[in-house]
Amino acid sequence: MFPLVDSLQEEPVTPEHLNALQRLADVPRGIAKTLMLAYGYAPELIADLVLAGLIEVMPDIAGIGRQTIEVELVTITEAGRRALWFDRAQMTPVPQ
């Protein structure tokens, strides 16, 4: 397991955390929280990442045809991007 980067918590980032962070890193504007849940990410996992400062959940308005609905967008934070970078750096073999 890998320690959280710039986090006050001592809990490690799990492979499931890293998977969620990678999915969010690929979508700059964020992903609707309902879609994250549909992808199979548990509400507790999302809450853990928010509390660790690795993601944010923000209200947004989405237009569907002539109607608008309120959604919650999940976005990766800079600390979340650093956690991904840290994970990749730890897994990269160092040339000798």
PDB file of N, CA and C in Angstrom:
ATOM      1  N   MET A   1       0.832  -1.182   0.000  1.00  0.00           N
ATOM      2  CA  MET A   1       0.000   0.000   0.000  1.00  0.00           C
ATOM      3  C   MET A   1       0.883   1.255   0.000  1.00  0.00           C
ATOM      4  N   PHE A   2       0.301   2.350  -0.414  1.00  0.00           N
ATOM      5  CA  PHE A   2       1.055   3.581  -0.558  1.00  0.00           C
ATOM      6  C   PHE A   2       0.459   4.640   0.343  1.00  0.00           C
ATOM      7  N   PRO A   3       1.266   5.451   1.015  1.00  0.00           N
ATOM      8  CA  PRO A   3       0.733   6.479   1.899  1.00  0.00           C
ATOM      9  C   PRO A   3       0.059   7.585   1.092  1.00  0.00           C
ATOM     10  N   LEU A   4      -0.921   8.214   1.725  1.00  0.00           N
ATOM     11  CA  LEU A   4      -1.563   9.365   1.098  1.00  0.00           C
ATOM     12  C   LEU A   4      -0.561  10.508   1.035  1.00  0.00           C
ATOM     13  N   VAL A   5      -0.535  11.190  -0.058  1.00  0.00           N
ATOM     14  CA  VAL A   5       0.379  12.304  -0.250  1.00  0.00           C
ATOM     15  C   VAL A   5      -0.300  13.574   0.245  1.00  0.00           C
ATOM     16  N   ASP A   6       0.377  14.366   1.048  1.00  0.00           N
ATOM     17  CA  ASP A   6      -0.140  15.624   1.593  1.00  0.00           C
ATOM     18  C   ASP A   6      -1.454  15.444   2.348  1.00  0.00           C
ATOM     19  N   SER A   7      -1.633  14.303   2.974  1.00  0.00           N
ATOM     20  CA  SER A   7      -2.863  14.064   3.719  1.00  0.00           C
ATOM     21  C   SER A   7      -2.535  13.984   5.199  1.00  0.00           C
ATOM     22  N   LEU A   8      -3.490  14.410   6.021  1.00  0.00           N
ATOM     23  CA  LEU A   8      -3.301  14.319   7.455  1.00  0.00           C
ATOM     24  C   LEU A   8      -3.596  12.913   7.954  1.00  0.00           C
ATOM     25  N   GLN A   9      -4.274  12.121   7.116  1.00  0.00           N
ATOM     26  CA  GLN A   9      -4.620  10.764   7.527  1.00  0.00           C
ATOM     27  C   GLN A   9      -3.437   9.837   7.286  1.00  0.00           C
ATOM     28  N   GLU A  10      -3.381   8.785   8.065  1.00  0.00           N
ATOM     29  CA  GLU A  10      -2.287   7.824   7.958  1.00  0.00           C
ATOM     30  C   GLU A  10      -2.693   6.597   7.148  1.00  0.00           C
ATOM     31  N   GLU A  11      -3.919   6.560   6.628  1.00  0.00           N
ATOM     32  CA  GLU A  11      -4.389   5.393   5.905  1.00  0.00           C
ATOM     33  C   GLU A  11      -3.735   5.326   4.522  1.00  0.00           C
ATOM     34  N   PRO A  12      -3.469   4.106   4.052  1.00  0.00           N
ATOM     35  CA  PRO A  12      -2.859   3.961   2.729  1.00  0.00           C
ATOM     36  C   PRO A  12      -3.879   4.139   1.617  1.00  0.00           C
ATOM     37  N   VAL A  13      -3.381   4.463   0.441  1.00  0.00           N
ATOM     38  CA  VAL A  13      -4.209   4.501  -0.758  1.00  0.00           C
ATOM     39  C   VAL A  13      -4.261   3.066  -1.273  1.00  0.00           C
ATOM     40  N   THR A  14      -5.462   2.544  -1.435  1.00  0.00           N
ATOM     41  CA  THR A  14      -5.637   1.167  -1.902  1.00  0.00           C
ATOM     42  C   THR A  14      -5.679   1.145  -3.427  1.00  0.00           C
ATOM     43  N   PRO A  15      -5.567  -0.028  -4.025  1.00  0.00           N
ATOM     44  CA  PRO A  15      -5.718  -0.126  -5.486  1.00  0.00           C
ATOM     45  C   PRO A  15      -7.073   0.416  -5.963  1.00  0.00           C
ATOM     46  N   GLU A  16      -8.114   0.219  -5.167  1.00  0.00           N
ATOM     47  CA  GLU A  16      -9.437   0.746  -5.528  1.00  0.00           C
ATOM     48  C   GLU A  16      -9.427   2.280  -5.522  1.00  0.00           C
ATOM     49  N   HIS A  17      -8.751   2.878  -4.532  1.00  0.00           N
ATOM     50  CA  HIS A  17      -8.600   4.340  -4.491  1.00  0.00           C
ATOM     51  C   HIS A  17      -7.882   4.819  -5.750  1.00  0.00           C
ATOM     52  N   LEU A  18      -6.778   4.148  -6.079  1.00  0.00           N
ATOM     53  CA  LEU A  18      -5.981   4.547  -7.246  1.00  0.00           C
ATOM     54  C   LEU A  18      -6.779   4.400  -8.541  1.00  0.00           C
ATOM     55  N   ASN A  19      -7.600   3.353  -8.618  1.00  0.00           N
ATOM     56  CA  ASN A  19      -8.436   3.153  -9.794  1.00  0.00           C
ATOM     57  C   ASN A  19      -9.411   4.315  -9.952  1.00  0.00           C
ATOM     58  N   ALA A  20     -10.052   4.724  -8.871  1.00  0.00           N
ATOM     59  CA  ALA A  20     -10.992   5.846  -8.915  1.00  0.00           C
ATOM     60  C   ALA A  20     -10.259   7.137  -9.283  1.00  0.00           C
ATOM     61  N   LEU A  21      -9.094   7.362  -8.699  1.00  0.00           N
ATOM     62  CA  LEU A  21      -8.319   8.563  -9.005  1.00  0.00           C
ATOM     63  C   LEU A  21      -7.915   8.598 -10.477  1.00  0.00           C
ATOM     64  N   GLN A  22      -7.508   7.456 -11.015  1.00  0.00           N
ATOM     65  CA  GLN A  22      -7.108   7.408 -12.422  1.00  0.00           C
ATOM     66  C   GLN A  22      -8.294   7.712 -13.333  1.00  0.00           C
ATOM     67  N   ARG A  23      -9.455   7.159 -13.008  1.00  0.00           N
ATOM     68  CA  ARG A  23     -10.651   7.433 -13.813  1.00  0.00           C
ATOM     69  C   ARG A  23     -10.950   8.937 -13.803  1.00  0.00           C
ATOM     70  N   LEU A  24     -10.830   9.570 -12.651  1.00  0.00           N
ATOM     71  CA  LEU A  24     -11.102  11.005 -12.541  1.00  0.00           C
ATOM     72  C   LEU A  24     -10.016  11.837 -13.216  1.00  0.00           C
ATOM     73  N   ALA A  25      -8.782  11.382 -13.171  1.00  0.00           N
ATOM     74  CA  ALA A  25      -7.677  12.129 -13.784  1.00  0.00           C
ATOM     75  C   ALA A  25      -7.854  12.232 -15.297  1.00  0.00           C
ATOM     76  N   ASP A  26      -8.548  11.271 -15.868  1.00  0.00           N
ATOM     77  CA  ASP A  26      -8.759  11.252 -17.317  1.00  0.00           C
ATOM     78  C   ASP A  26      -9.903  12.154 -17.773  1.00  0.00           C
ATOM     79  N   VAL A  27     -10.649  12.737 -16.824  1.00  0.00           N
ATOM     80  CA  VAL A  27     -11.808  13.579 -17.161  1.00  0.00           C
ATOM     81  C   VAL A  27     -11.656  14.916 -16.431  1.00  0.00           C
ATOM     82  N   PRO A  28     -11.064  15.935 -17.070  1.00  0.00           N
ATOM     83  CA  PRO A  28     -10.770  17.202 -16.395  1.00  0.00           C
ATOM     84  C   PRO A  28     -11.979  17.892 -15.755  1.00  0.00           C
ATOM     85  N   ARG A  29     -13.142  17.811 -16.381  1.00  0.00           N
ATOM     86  CA  ARG A  29     -14.315  18.506 -15.837  1.00  0.00           C
ATOM     87  C   ARG A  29     -14.957  17.741 -14.691  1.00  0.00           C
ATOM     88  N   GLY A  30     -14.651  16.469 -14.561  1.00  0.00           N
ATOM     89  CA  GLY A  30     -15.223  15.652 -13.496  1.00  0.00           C
ATOM     90  C   GLY A  30     -16.270  14.688 -14.017  1.00  0.00           C
ATOM     91  N   ILE A  31     -16.704  13.814 -13.134  1.00  0.00           N
ATOM     92  CA  ILE A  31     -17.697  12.789 -13.451  1.00  0.00           C
ATOM     93  C   ILE A  31     -18.838  12.930 -12.456  1.00  0.00           C
ATOM     94  N   ALA A  32     -20.064  12.798 -12.937  1.00  0.00           N
ATOM     95  CA  ALA A  32     -21.227  12.853 -12.044  1.00  0.00           C
ATOM     96  C   ALA A  32     -21.095  11.768 -10.975  1.00  0.00           C
ATOM     97  N   LYS A  33     -21.411  12.141  -9.744  1.00  0.00           N
ATOM     98  CA  LYS A  33     -21.304  11.192  -8.636  1.00  0.00           C
ATOM     99  C   LYS A  33     -22.174   9.960  -8.895  1.00  0.00           C
ATOM    100  N   THR A  34     -23.347  10.147  -9.484  1.00  0.00           N
ATOM    101  CA  THR A  34     -24.213   8.999  -9.786  1.00  0.00           C
ATOM    102  C   THR A  34     -23.529   8.041 -10.757  1.00  0.00           C
ATOM    103  N   LEU A  35     -22.750   8.578 -11.688  1.00  0.00           N
ATOM    104  CA  LEU A  35     -22.030   7.728 -12.624  1.00  0.00           C
ATOM    105  C   LEU A  35     -20.892   6.983 -11.920  1.00  0.00           C
ATOM    106  N   MET A  36     -20.223   7.653 -11.003  1.00  0.00           N
ATOM    107  CA  MET A  36     -19.179   6.978 -10.219  1.00  0.00           C
ATOM    108  C   MET A  36     -19.789   5.797  -9.457  1.00  0.00           C
ATOM    109  N   LEU A  37     -20.974   6.018  -8.887  1.00  0.00           N
ATOM    110  CA  LEU A  37     -21.658   4.940  -8.174  1.00  0.00           C
ATOM    111  C   LEU A  37     -22.037   3.823  -9.145  1.00  0.00           C
ATOM    112  N   ALA A  38     -22.489   4.194 -10.344  1.00  0.00           N
ATOM    113  CA  ALA A  38     -22.849   3.201 -11.362  1.00  0.00           C
ATOM    114  C   ALA A  38     -21.623   2.400 -11.809  1.00  0.00           C
ATOM    115  N   TYR A  39     -20.446   3.020 -11.807  1.00  0.00           N
ATOM    116  CA  TYR A  39     -19.206   2.310 -12.142  1.00  0.00           C
ATOM    117  C   TYR A  39     -18.821   1.303 -11.051  1.00  0.00           C
ATOM    118  N   GLY A  40     -19.487   1.401  -9.903  1.00  0.00           N
ATOM    119  CA  GLY A  40     -19.225   0.454  -8.824  1.00  0.00           C
ATOM    120  C   GLY A  40     -18.420   0.998  -7.670  1.00  0.00           C
ATOM    121  N   TYR A  41     -18.137   2.293  -7.674  1.00  0.00           N
ATOM    122  CA  TYR A  41     -17.410   2.895  -6.554  1.00  0.00           C
ATOM    123  C   TYR A  41     -18.390   3.138  -5.411  1.00  0.00           C
ATOM    124  N   ALA A  42     -18.067   2.613  -4.245  1.00  0.00           N
ATOM    125  CA  ALA A  42     -18.944   2.725  -3.082  1.00  0.00           C
ATOM    126  C   ALA A  42     -18.973   4.159  -2.556  1.00  0.00           C
ATOM    127  N   PRO A  43     -20.111   4.565  -1.991  1.00  0.00           N
ATOM    128  CA  PRO A  43     -20.181   5.905  -1.385  1.00  0.00           C
ATOM    129  C   PRO A  43     -19.101   6.113  -0.329  1.00  0.00           C
ATOM    130  N   GLU A  44     -18.740   5.055   0.398  1.00  0.00           N
ATOM    131  CA  GLU A  44     -17.704   5.159   1.427  1.00  0.00           C
ATOM    132  C   GLU A  44     -16.335   5.446   0.813  1.00  0.00           C
ATOM    133  N   LEU A  45     -16.057   4.863  -0.342  1.00  0.00           N
ATOM    134  CA  LEU A  45     -14.787   5.117  -1.020  1.00  0.00           C
ATOM    135  C   LEU A  45     -14.716   6.581  -1.448  1.00  0.00           C
ATOM    136  N   ILE A  46     -15.804   7.089  -2.009  1.00  0.00           N
ATOM    137  CA  ILE A  46     -15.847   8.494  -2.416  1.00  0.00           C
ATOM    138  C   ILE A  46     -15.655   9.392  -1.198  1.00  0.00           C
ATOM    139  N   ALA A  47     -16.334   9.054  -0.105  1.00  0.00           N
ATOM    140  CA  ALA A  47     -16.196   9.849   1.123  1.00  0.00           C
ATOM    141  C   ALA A  47     -14.767   9.806   1.647  1.00  0.00           C
ATOM    142  N   ASP A  48     -14.131   8.636   1.624  1.00  0.00           N
ATOM    143  CA  ASP A  48     -12.729   8.518   2.075  1.00  0.00           C
ATOM    144  C   ASP A  48     -11.817   9.436   1.269  1.00  0.00           C
ATOM    145  N   LEU A  49     -12.000   9.440  -0.057  1.00  0.00           N
ATOM    146  CA  LEU A  49     -11.149  10.262  -0.916  1.00  0.00           C
ATOM    147  C   LEU A  49     -11.398  11.752  -0.702  1.00  0.00           C
ATOM    148  N   VAL A  50     -12.658  12.114  -0.432  1.00  0.00           N
ATOM    149  CA  VAL A  50     -12.971  13.520  -0.125  1.00  0.00           C
ATOM    150  C   VAL A  50     -12.296  13.920   1.183  1.00  0.00           C
ATOM    151  N   LEU A  51     -12.442  13.098   2.211  1.00  0.00           N
ATOM    152  CA  LEU A  51     -11.854  13.413   3.515  1.00  0.00           C
ATOM    153  C   LEU A  51     -10.332  13.484   3.457  1.00  0.00           C
ATOM    154  N   ALA A  52      -9.735  12.690   2.569  1.00  0.00           N
ATOM    155  CA  ALA A  52      -8.271  12.709   2.407  1.00  0.00           C
ATOM    156  C   ALA A  52      -7.816  13.889   1.554  1.00  0.00           C
ATOM    157  N   GLY A  53      -8.767  14.625   0.954  1.00  0.00           N
ATOM    158  CA  GLY A  53      -8.411  15.776   0.125  1.00  0.00           C
ATOM    159  C   GLY A  53      -7.963  15.395  -1.281  1.00  0.00           C
ATOM    160  N   LEU A  54      -8.239  14.153  -1.702  1.00  0.00           N
ATOM    161  CA  LEU A  54      -7.787  13.694  -3.010  1.00  0.00           C
ATOM    162  C   LEU A  54      -8.805  13.946  -4.116  1.00  0.00           C
ATOM    163  N   ILE A  55     -10.072  14.123  -3.738  1.00  0.00           N
ATOM    164  CA  ILE A  55     -11.122  14.477  -4.692  1.00  0.00           C
ATOM    165  C   ILE A  55     -12.040  15.510  -4.055  1.00  0.00           C
ATOM    166  N   GLU A  56     -12.837  16.161  -4.906  1.00  0.00           N
ATOM    167  CA  GLU A  56     -13.862  17.100  -4.440  1.00  0.00           C
ATOM    168  C   GLU A  56     -15.181  16.701  -5.083  1.00  0.00           C
ATOM    169  N   VAL A  57     -16.265  16.962  -4.366  1.00  0.00           N
ATOM    170  CA  VAL A  57     -17.612  16.774  -4.911  1.00  0.00           C
ATOM    171  C   VAL A  57     -18.263  18.152  -4.889  1.00  0.00           C
ATOM    172  N   MET A  58     -18.646  18.626  -6.085  1.00  0.00           N
ATOM    173  CA  MET A  58     -19.195  19.979  -6.218  1.00  0.00           C
ATOM    174  C   MET A  58     -20.543  19.937  -6.926  1.00  0.00           C
ATOM    175  N   PRO A  59     -21.480  20.792  -6.514  1.00  0.00           N
ATOM    176  CA  PRO A  59     -22.761  20.851  -7.218  1.00  0.00           C
ATOM    177  C   PRO A  59     -22.577  21.476  -8.601  1.00  0.00           C
ATOM    178  N   ASP A  60     -23.393  21.027  -9.549  1.00  0.00           N
ATOM    179  CA  ASP A  60     -23.341  21.544 -10.908  1.00  0.00           C
ATOM    180  C   ASP A  60     -24.729  21.419 -11.519  1.00  0.00           C
ATOM    181  N   ILE A  61     -24.933  22.098 -12.612  1.00  0.00           N
ATOM    182  CA  ILE A  61     -26.191  22.037 -13.357  1.00  0.00           C
ATOM    183  C   ILE A  61     -25.894  21.394 -14.707  1.00  0.00           C
ATOM    184  N   ALA A  62     -26.677  20.383 -15.047  1.00  0.00           N
ATOM    185  CA  ALA A  62     -26.523  19.716 -16.337  1.00  0.00           C
ATOM    186  C   ALA A  62     -27.776  19.948 -17.169  1.00  0.00           C
ATOM    187  N   GLY A  63     -27.576  20.213 -18.454  1.00  0.00           N
ATOM    188  CA  GLY A  63     -28.705  20.404 -19.347  1.00  0.00           C
ATOM    189  C   GLY A  63     -28.994  19.132 -20.115  1.00  0.00           C
ATOM    190  N   ILE A  64     -30.249  18.738 -20.103  1.00  0.00           N
ATOM    191  CA  ILE A  64     -30.703  17.578 -20.866  1.00  0.00           C
ATOM    192  C   ILE A  64     -31.900  18.052 -21.680  1.00  0.00           C
ATOM    193  N   GLY A  65     -31.657  18.264 -22.977  1.00  0.00           N
ATOM    194  CA  GLY A  65     -32.720  18.851 -23.798  1.00  0.00           C
ATOM    195  C   GLY A  65     -33.013  20.246 -23.302  1.00  0.00           C
ATOM    196  N   ARG A  66     -34.267  20.507 -23.019  1.00  0.00           N
ATOM    197  CA  ARG A  66     -34.665  21.826 -22.494  1.00  0.00           C
ATOM    198  C   ARG A  66     -34.712  21.864 -20.974  1.00  0.00           C
ATOM    199  N   GLN A  67     -34.433  20.744 -20.357  1.00  0.00           N
ATOM    200  CA  GLN A  67     -34.488  20.674 -18.902  1.00  0.00           C
ATOM    201  C   GLN A  67     -33.087  20.757 -18.312  1.00  0.00           C
ATOM    202  N   THR A  68     -33.031  21.250 -17.108  1.00  0.00           N
ATOM    203  CA  THR A  68     -31.772  21.250 -16.372  1.00  0.00           C
ATOM    204  C   THR A  68     -31.972  20.458 -15.088  1.00  0.00           C
ATOM    205  N   ILE A  69     -30.923  19.776 -14.668  1.00  0.00           N
ATOM    206  CA  ILE A  69     -30.964  19.040 -13.413  1.00  0.00           C
ATOM    207  C   ILE A  69     -29.717  19.362 -12.615  1.00  0.00           C
ATOM    208  N   GLU A  70     -29.847  19.233 -11.321  1.00  0.00           N
ATOM    209  CA  GLU A  70     -28.694  19.419 -10.447  1.00  0.00           C
ATOM    210  C   GLU A  70     -27.972  18.092 -10.312  1.00  0.00           C
ATOM    211  N   VAL A  71     -26.666  18.134 -10.439  1.00  0.00           N
ATOM    212  CA  VAL A  71     -25.836  16.946 -10.273  1.00  0.00           C
ATOM    213  C   VAL A  71     -24.678  17.288  -9.343  1.00  0.00           C
ATOM    214  N   GLU A  72     -24.022  16.263  -8.852  1.00  0.00           N
ATOM    215  CA  GLU A  72     -22.805  16.443  -8.075  1.00  0.00           C
ATOM    216  C   GLU A  72     -21.654  15.925  -8.932  1.00  0.00           C
ATOM    217  N   LEU A  73     -20.702  16.807  -9.221  1.00  0.00           N
ATOM    218  CA  LEU A  73     -19.527  16.416 -10.006  1.00  0.00           C
ATOM    219  C   LEU A  73     -18.384  16.037  -9.071  1.00  0.00           C
ATOM    220  N   VAL A  74     -17.750  14.931  -9.377  1.00  0.00           N
ATOM    221  CA  VAL A  74     -16.590  14.470  -8.622  1.00  0.00           C
ATOM    222  C   VAL A  74     -15.359  14.792  -9.462  1.00  0.00           C
ATOM    223  N   THR A  75     -14.417  15.538  -8.880  1.00  0.00           N
ATOM    224  CA  THR A  75     -13.190  15.905  -9.586  1.00  0.00           C
ATOM    225  C   THR A  75     -11.982  15.563  -8.723  1.00  0.00           C
ATOM    226  N   ILE A  76     -10.891  15.267  -9.400  1.00  0.00           N
ATOM    227  CA  ILE A  76      -9.642  14.979  -8.695  1.00  0.00           C
ATOM    228  C   ILE A  76      -8.979  16.303  -8.312  1.00  0.00           C
ATOM    229  N   THR A  77      -8.366  16.325  -7.148  1.00  0.00           N
ATOM    230  CA  THR A  77      -7.637  17.514  -6.702  1.00  0.00           C
ATOM    231  C   THR A  77      -6.167  17.385  -7.093  1.00  0.00           C
ATOM    232  N   GLU A  78      -5.433  18.447  -6.890  1.00  0.00           N
ATOM    233  CA  GLU A  78      -3.993  18.400  -7.157  1.00  0.00           C
ATOM    234  C   GLU A  78      -3.325  17.358  -6.256  1.00  0.00           C
ATOM    235  N   ALA A  79      -3.787  17.245  -5.017  1.00  0.00           N
ATOM    236  CA  ALA A  79      -3.245  16.221  -4.112  1.00  0.00           C
ATOM    237  C   ALA A  79      -3.539  14.818  -4.644  1.00  0.00           C
ATOM    238  N   GLY A  80      -4.700  14.635  -5.263  1.00  0.00           N
ATOM    239  CA  GLY A  80      -5.033  13.347  -5.873  1.00  0.00           C
ATOM    240  C   GLY A  80      -4.114  13.029  -7.031  1.00  0.00           C
ATOM    241  N   ARG A  81      -3.806  14.048  -7.835  1.00  0.00           N
ATOM    242  CA  ARG A  81      -2.866  13.844  -8.949  1.00  0.00           C
ATOM    243  C   ARG A  81      -1.473  13.492  -8.422  1.00  0.00           C
ATOM    244  N   ARG A  82      -1.068  14.126  -7.321  1.00  0.00           N
ATOM    245  CA  ARG A  82       0.235  13.804  -6.728  1.00  0.00           C
ATOM    246  C   ARG A  82       0.248  12.369  -6.195  1.00  0.00           C
ATOM    247  N   ALA A  83      -0.872  11.915  -5.641  1.00  0.00           N
ATOM    248  CA  ALA A  83      -0.951  10.537  -5.138  1.00  0.00           C
ATOM    249  C   ALA A  83      -0.784   9.553  -6.290  1.00  0.00           C
ATOM    250  N   LEU A  84      -1.383   9.853  -7.446  1.00  0.00           N
ATOM    251  CA  LEU A  84      -1.205   9.006  -8.623  1.00  0.00           C
ATOM    252  C   LEU A  84       0.250   9.019  -9.077  1.00  0.00           C
ATOM    253  N   TRP A  85       0.842  10.206  -9.116  1.00  0.00           N
ATOM    254  CA  TRP A  85       2.245  10.331  -9.520  1.00  0.00           C
ATOM    255  C   TRP A  85       3.138   9.552  -8.562  1.00  0.00           C
ATOM    256  N   PHE A  86       2.863   9.695  -7.258  1.00  0.00           N
ATOM    257  CA  PHE A  86       3.654   9.014  -6.234  1.00  0.00           C
ATOM    258  C   PHE A  86       3.559   7.505  -6.431  1.00  0.00           C
ATOM    259  N   ASP A  87       2.351   7.005  -6.715  1.00  0.00           N
ATOM    260  CA  ASP A  87       2.163   5.574  -6.925  1.00  0.00           C
ATOM    261  C   ASP A  87       2.973   5.098  -8.127  1.00  0.00           C
ATOM    262  N   ARG A  88       2.910   5.854  -9.216  1.00  0.00           N
ATOM    263  CA  ARG A  88       3.660   5.474 -10.421  1.00  0.00           C
ATOM    264  C   ARG A  88       5.162   5.512 -10.154  1.00  0.00           C
ATOM    265  N   ALA A  89       5.619   6.499  -9.406  1.00  0.00           N
ATOM    266  CA  ALA A  89       7.049   6.618  -9.103  1.00  0.00           C
ATOM    267  C   ALA A  89       7.519   5.442  -8.261  1.00  0.00           C
ATOM    268  N   GLN A  90       6.676   4.979  -7.343  1.00  0.00           N
ATOM    269  CA  GLN A  90       7.042   3.853  -6.475  1.00  0.00           C
ATOM    270  C   GLN A  90       7.106   2.549  -7.256  1.00  0.00           C
ATOM    271  N   MET A  91       6.314   2.437  -8.319  1.00  0.00           N
ATOM    272  CA  MET A  91       6.238   1.195  -9.069  1.00  0.00           C
ATOM    273  C   MET A  91       7.216   1.169 -10.257  1.00  0.00           C
ATOM    274  N   THR A  92       7.849   2.282 -10.556  1.00  0.00           N
ATOM    275  CA  THR A  92       8.788   2.340 -11.673  1.00  0.00           C
ATOM    276  C   THR A  92      10.145   1.831 -11.243  1.00  0.00           C
ATOM    277  N   PRO A  93      10.675   0.812 -11.918  1.00  0.00           N
ATOM    278  CA  PRO A  93      12.012   0.330 -11.562  1.00  0.00           C
ATOM    279  C   PRO A  93      13.066   1.406 -11.812  1.00  0.00           C
ATOM    280  N   VAL A  94      14.005   1.514 -10.910  1.00  0.00           N
ATOM    281  CA  VAL A  94      15.089   2.488 -11.047  1.00  0.00           C
ATOM    282  C   VAL A  94      16.229   1.817 -11.806  1.00  0.00           C
ATOM    283  N   PRO A  95      16.684   2.435 -12.920  1.00  0.00           N
ATOM    284  CA  PRO A  95      17.806   1.827 -13.657  1.00  0.00           C
ATOM    285  C   PRO A  95      19.065   1.796 -12.797  1.00  0.00           C
ATOM    286  N   GLN A  96      19.843   0.731 -12.948  1.00  0.00           N
ATOM    287  CA  GLN A  96      21.075   0.610 -12.151  1.00  0.00           C
ATOM    288  C   GLN A  96      22.292   0.659 -13.011  1.00  0.00           C
TER     289      GLN A  96
END
